Amino acid sequence: MSRVPAHTGEAPGEDPSEPSGAEPEPAVEAEPEARAGGGTGAEPAPGDVASRDTSSRMSRVGPRLRELRQAQGLTLVQVAGAAGVTKGFLSLAERGKASVSVPTLLRICDAVGTSIAALFDYPDQDVVRSGIGAPLEMGGIGIEEFLLTPADETHVQVMRTVLSPGGGSGGAYALEAETVFAYMVRGSLELTVDGAVRHLGAGDSTTFSARLEHGWTNPGEIEAEVLWSIAPALPRHVTKLRPNR
């Protein structure tokens, strides 16, 4: 699903978009995980990694986050500190060279003043054909996701997630919605909602409050597929921030 952005000719790790005189971004080969704390009290998410694996990378969302950060007049250091990740990891994520857990991506979005849904691609067909949808990058590790509902549908949002064995959200998170309905198409899913574990097999379904902390993973040895229905649809908004200098 993800594509690595083409080489731009920049030195590895440099961020020419930073204000003049800003500290250049150090070259980073791999960032093992998000930094604990970072001023937010967030724990490191196990799914936040930079690797050669192209699954679950942020080839679309990463550059959009970078554009938003620049438009807000924010530095890598400011956003990384607010999101609880290292500066190097954030730079990799913005370049589509890192896999980011759902909770970490949501914190980065909050730090740049955007909702995650404002970064989505949306399908524009009247009929979304089988196996097709708008590629979705909402964080997570070892997954492919597709958005099946159009941008003008505000009552419900439907996503299709395909998980490799061991793939999942990379941590627990809550959403700006009321209800989540999950239907297992195939395989198995271990879903944790407010600390309680729910095991789903093919044909099973479950419903829970979107505002409860929840996370999910594929515990099986084969690929799994789940349909998520979120009601109402996640809001799309960008808030103009006044960064501290």
Protein backbone atom coordinates (compact mmCIF):
# COMPACT_ATOMS: atom_id res chain seq x y z
CA MET A 1 0.00 0.00 0.00
CA SER A 2 2.79 2.40 0.88
CA ARG A 3 5.41 3.88 -1.39
CA VAL A 4 8.74 5.38 -0.35
CA PRO A 5 9.08 8.97 -1.63
CA ALA A 6 11.62 9.53 -4.38
CA HIS A 7 15.07 10.77 -3.40
CA THR A 8 15.17 14.57 -3.39
CA GLY A 9 18.89 15.13 -3.40
CA GLU A 10 18.90 16.33 0.21
CA ALA A 11 21.52 15.08 2.59
CA PRO A 12 20.14 12.25 4.76
CA GLY A 13 18.25 13.58 7.75
CA GLU A 14 18.48 17.28 6.80
CA ASP A 15 15.29 19.31 6.80
CA PRO A 16 15.79 22.32 4.49
CA SER A 17 12.33 23.57 5.42
CA GLU A 18 13.41 24.45 8.96
CA PRO A 19 13.87 28.15 9.71
CA SER A 20 17.24 29.65 8.86
CA GLY A 21 19.76 28.92 11.57
CA ALA A 22 17.80 25.97 12.91
CA GLU A 23 19.75 22.93 14.00
CA PRO A 24 20.02 20.53 11.02
CA GLU A 25 18.34 17.18 11.39
CA PRO A 26 20.91 14.48 12.21
CA ALA A 27 21.21 11.51 9.90
CA VAL A 28 19.20 8.63 11.32
CA GLU A 29 19.37 5.04 10.14
CA ALA A 30 16.69 3.63 12.43
CA GLU A 31 14.66 4.88 15.33
CA PRO A 32 13.64 1.92 17.49
CA GLU A 33 10.64 3.51 19.17
CA ALA A 34 9.01 6.69 20.35
CA ARG A 35 10.66 8.40 23.30
CA ALA A 36 8.93 7.84 26.60
CA GLY A 37 7.35 10.93 28.03
CA GLY A 38 8.51 13.79 25.84
CA GLY A 39 6.47 16.14 27.98
CA THR A 40 3.26 14.25 27.29
CA GLY A 41 3.55 11.33 29.70
CA ALA A 42 3.10 8.94 26.75
CA GLU A 43 4.71 5.52 26.88
CA PRO A 44 6.72 4.28 23.90
CA ALA A 45 4.51 2.55 21.37
CA PRO A 46 5.92 -0.85 20.34
CA GLY A 47 4.92 -0.30 16.73
CA ASP A 48 6.86 2.92 16.15
CA VAL A 49 9.80 1.80 14.02
CA ALA A 50 11.89 2.80 11.05
CA SER A 51 12.77 -0.18 8.89
CA ARG A 52 13.18 -1.46 5.35
CA ASP A 53 9.69 -2.96 5.52
CA THR A 54 7.37 -0.80 3.42
CA SER A 55 4.14 -2.01 5.08
CA SER A 56 2.21 0.53 7.11
CA ARG A 57 4.55 3.40 6.28
CA MET A 58 3.26 6.95 5.92
CA SER A 59 4.06 7.69 2.28
CA ARG A 60 0.94 9.87 1.91
CA VAL A 61 0.22 11.13 5.42
CA GLY A 62 3.86 11.83 6.33
CA PRO A 63 4.45 14.57 3.74
CA ARG A 64 1.04 16.08 4.53
CA LEU A 65 1.96 16.30 8.20
CA ARG A 66 5.21 17.97 7.23
CA GLU A 67 3.35 20.56 5.15
CA LEU A 68 0.97 21.26 8.02
CA ARG A 69 3.82 21.57 10.51
CA GLN A 70 5.57 24.09 8.27
CA ALA A 71 2.34 26.01 7.67
CA GLN A 72 1.84 26.25 11.44
CA GLY A 73 5.39 27.59 11.85
CA LEU A 74 6.36 24.65 14.04
CA THR A 75 9.80 23.02 14.22
CA LEU A 76 10.56 19.32 14.36
CA VAL A 77 11.70 19.79 17.96
CA GLN A 78 8.41 21.43 19.01
CA VAL A 79 6.18 18.79 17.43
CA ALA A 80 8.35 15.88 18.55
CA GLY A 81 8.30 17.14 22.13
CA ALA A 82 4.53 17.57 22.14
CA ALA A 83 3.95 14.14 20.56
CA GLY A 84 6.42 12.26 22.77
CA VAL A 85 8.74 11.06 19.99
CA THR A 86 12.29 11.90 19.04
CA LYS A 87 13.13 14.55 16.48
CA GLY A 88 14.82 11.94 14.31
CA PHE A 89 11.82 9.63 14.35
CA LEU A 90 9.44 12.47 13.44
CA SER A 91 11.65 13.41 10.50
CA LEU A 92 11.57 9.82 9.25
CA ALA A 93 7.79 9.65 9.68
CA GLU A 94 7.31 12.87 7.70
CA ARG A 95 9.39 11.36 4.87
CA GLY A 96 7.36 8.15 4.81
CA LYS A 97 10.28 6.09 6.08
CA ALA A 98 8.77 4.93 9.37
CA SER A 99 5.88 2.81 10.58
CA VAL A 100 3.90 4.70 13.19
CA SER A 101 1.43 3.25 15.70
CA VAL A 102 -2.11 4.61 15.74
CA PRO A 103 -1.76 6.32 19.16
CA THR A 104 1.52 7.97 18.17
CA LEU A 105 0.09 9.22 14.87
CA LEU A 106 -2.89 10.69 16.70
CA ARG A 107 -0.54 12.54 19.08
CA ILE A 108 1.46 13.92 16.15
CA CYS A 109 -1.77 15.11 14.50
CA ASP A 110 -2.81 16.82 17.72
CA ALA A 111 0.60 18.50 17.96
CA VAL A 112 0.23 20.07 14.50
CA GLY A 113 -3.41 21.03 15.03
CA THR A 114 -5.13 18.60 12.69
CA SER A 115 -7.57 15.76 12.99
CA ILE A 116 -6.43 12.48 11.46
CA ALA A 117 -9.41 12.45 9.08
CA ALA A 118 -8.26 15.72 7.49
CA LEU A 119 -5.31 13.76 6.08
CA PHE A 120 -7.31 10.91 4.53
CA ASP A 121 -7.80 10.14 0.87
CA TYR A 122 -11.47 9.44 0.18
CA PRO A 123 -13.07 7.26 -2.52
CA ASP A 124 -14.95 9.20 -5.17
CA GLN A 125 -16.80 6.32 -6.85
CA ASP A 126 -20.52 5.72 -6.45
CA VAL A 127 -19.70 2.02 -6.13
CA VAL A 128 -16.48 0.95 -4.41
CA ARG A 129 -15.60 -2.34 -6.08
CA SER A 130 -14.53 -5.47 -4.22
CA GLY A 131 -10.98 -5.30 -2.93
CA ILE A 132 -10.69 -1.60 -3.75
CA GLY A 133 -10.99 1.58 -1.73
CA ALA A 134 -9.01 4.72 -1.02
CA PRO A 135 -5.66 3.68 0.54
CA LEU A 136 -5.78 4.68 4.19
CA GLU A 137 -2.87 5.58 6.44
CA MET A 138 -4.16 5.86 9.99
CA GLY A 139 -1.15 4.31 11.69
CA GLY A 140 -0.59 0.71 12.68
CA ILE A 141 1.99 -1.97 11.94
CA GLY A 142 1.85 -4.78 9.42
CA ILE A 143 -1.49 -3.71 8.00
CA GLU A 144 -3.12 -2.41 4.84
CA GLU A 145 -6.21 -0.24 5.17
CA PHE A 146 -8.78 1.18 2.80
CA LEU A 147 -11.49 3.79 3.31
CA LEU A 148 -14.81 2.75 1.76
CA THR A 149 -17.04 5.78 2.42
CA PRO A 150 -16.86 9.17 0.64
CA ALA A 151 -15.82 12.48 2.16
CA ASP A 152 -19.37 13.88 2.18
CA GLU A 153 -20.70 10.98 4.28
CA THR A 154 -20.70 12.33 7.83
CA HIS A 155 -23.01 9.85 9.59
CA VAL A 156 -20.78 6.80 9.31
CA GLN A 157 -17.27 5.88 8.16
CA VAL A 158 -16.33 2.38 7.03
CA MET A 159 -12.76 1.10 6.84
CA ARG A 160 -11.35 -2.22 5.69
CA THR A 161 -8.21 -3.47 7.43
CA VAL A 162 -6.05 -6.41 6.34
CA LEU A 163 -3.59 -7.53 9.01
CA SER A 164 -0.51 -9.67 8.63
CA PRO A 165 0.16 -12.12 11.48
CA GLY A 166 1.21 -9.99 14.46
CA GLY A 167 0.01 -6.79 12.78
CA GLY A 168 -2.16 -4.30 14.61
CA SER A 169 -2.70 -0.82 15.97
CA GLY A 170 0.55 -0.73 17.95
CA GLY A 171 -1.18 0.50 21.10
CA ALA A 172 -4.44 1.75 22.56
CA TYR A 173 -6.21 4.95 21.50
CA ALA A 174 -9.60 6.68 21.54
CA LEU A 175 -11.42 8.39 18.67
CA GLU A 176 -13.48 11.55 18.17
CA ALA A 177 -16.65 9.60 17.51
CA GLU A 178 -19.39 7.82 19.45
CA THR A 179 -19.50 4.19 18.34
CA VAL A 180 -17.26 1.61 16.67
CA PHE A 181 -18.66 -1.58 15.14
CA ALA A 182 -16.19 -4.28 14.04
CA TYR A 183 -16.99 -7.27 11.80
CA MET A 184 -14.42 -10.03 11.24
CA VAL A 185 -14.36 -11.08 7.60
CA ARG A 186 -11.63 -13.71 8.03
CA GLY A 187 -8.88 -14.70 10.40
CA SER A 188 -8.83 -13.66 14.05
CA LEU A 189 -8.51 -10.46 16.05
CA GLU A 190 -7.58 -9.73 19.64
CA LEU A 191 -9.36 -6.50 20.54
CA THR A 192 -8.76 -4.78 23.86
CA VAL A 193 -11.42 -2.27 24.93
CA ASP A 194 -10.93 -0.35 28.16
CA GLY A 195 -8.54 -3.03 29.36
CA ALA A 196 -10.84 -5.98 28.62
CA VAL A 197 -9.88 -8.42 25.84
CA ARG A 198 -12.36 -9.58 23.21
CA HIS A 199 -11.42 -12.44 20.84
CA LEU A 200 -13.03 -12.34 17.41
CA GLY A 201 -13.08 -15.03 14.74
CA ALA A 202 -14.47 -15.04 11.21
CA GLY A 203 -18.10 -13.95 11.21
CA ASP A 204 -17.95 -12.44 14.71
CA SER A 205 -18.79 -8.81 15.44
CA THR A 206 -18.63 -6.42 18.36
CA THR A 207 -19.65 -2.87 19.26
CA PHE A 208 -18.06 -0.42 21.70
CA SER A 209 -17.71 3.26 22.53
CA ALA A 210 -15.17 5.03 20.31
CA ARG A 211 -14.19 7.16 23.29
CA LEU A 212 -12.84 4.15 25.20
CA GLU A 213 -9.16 3.29 24.85
CA HIS A 214 -8.92 0.37 22.44
CA GLY A 215 -6.22 -1.49 20.54
CA TRP A 216 -6.10 -4.53 18.32
CA THR A 217 -3.78 -7.15 16.88
CA ASN A 218 -3.85 -10.27 14.74
CA PRO A 219 -2.80 -13.12 17.05
CA GLY A 220 -3.07 -15.80 14.39
CA GLU A 221 -0.64 -17.29 11.91
CA ILE A 222 -2.66 -16.29 8.84
CA GLU A 223 -3.81 -12.96 7.41
CA ALA A 224 -6.90 -11.41 8.97
CA GLU A 225 -9.45 -8.93 7.64
CA VAL A 226 -11.85 -6.71 9.57
CA LEU A 227 -14.44 -4.10 8.63
CA TRP A 228 -14.74 -1.11 10.98
CA SER A 229 -17.80 1.14 11.05
CA ILE A 230 -17.32 4.39 12.96
CA ALA A 231 -20.28 6.63 13.78
CA PRO A 232 -20.39 9.47 13.21
CA ALA A 233 -17.54 9.83 10.73
CA LEU A 234 -14.30 11.17 12.17
CA PRO A 235 -14.27 14.98 11.96
CA ARG A 236 -12.06 16.83 9.51
CA HIS A 237 -10.58 20.02 10.89
CA VAL A 238 -7.32 21.95 11.10
CA THR A 239 -6.78 24.45 13.93
CA LYS A 240 -4.46 27.41 13.45
CA LEU A 241 -1.84 27.26 16.19
CA ARG A 242 0.32 29.97 17.70
CA PRO A 243 3.65 28.26 18.29
CA ASN A 244 5.85 29.30 21.19
CA ARG A 245 9.17 30.67 20.02
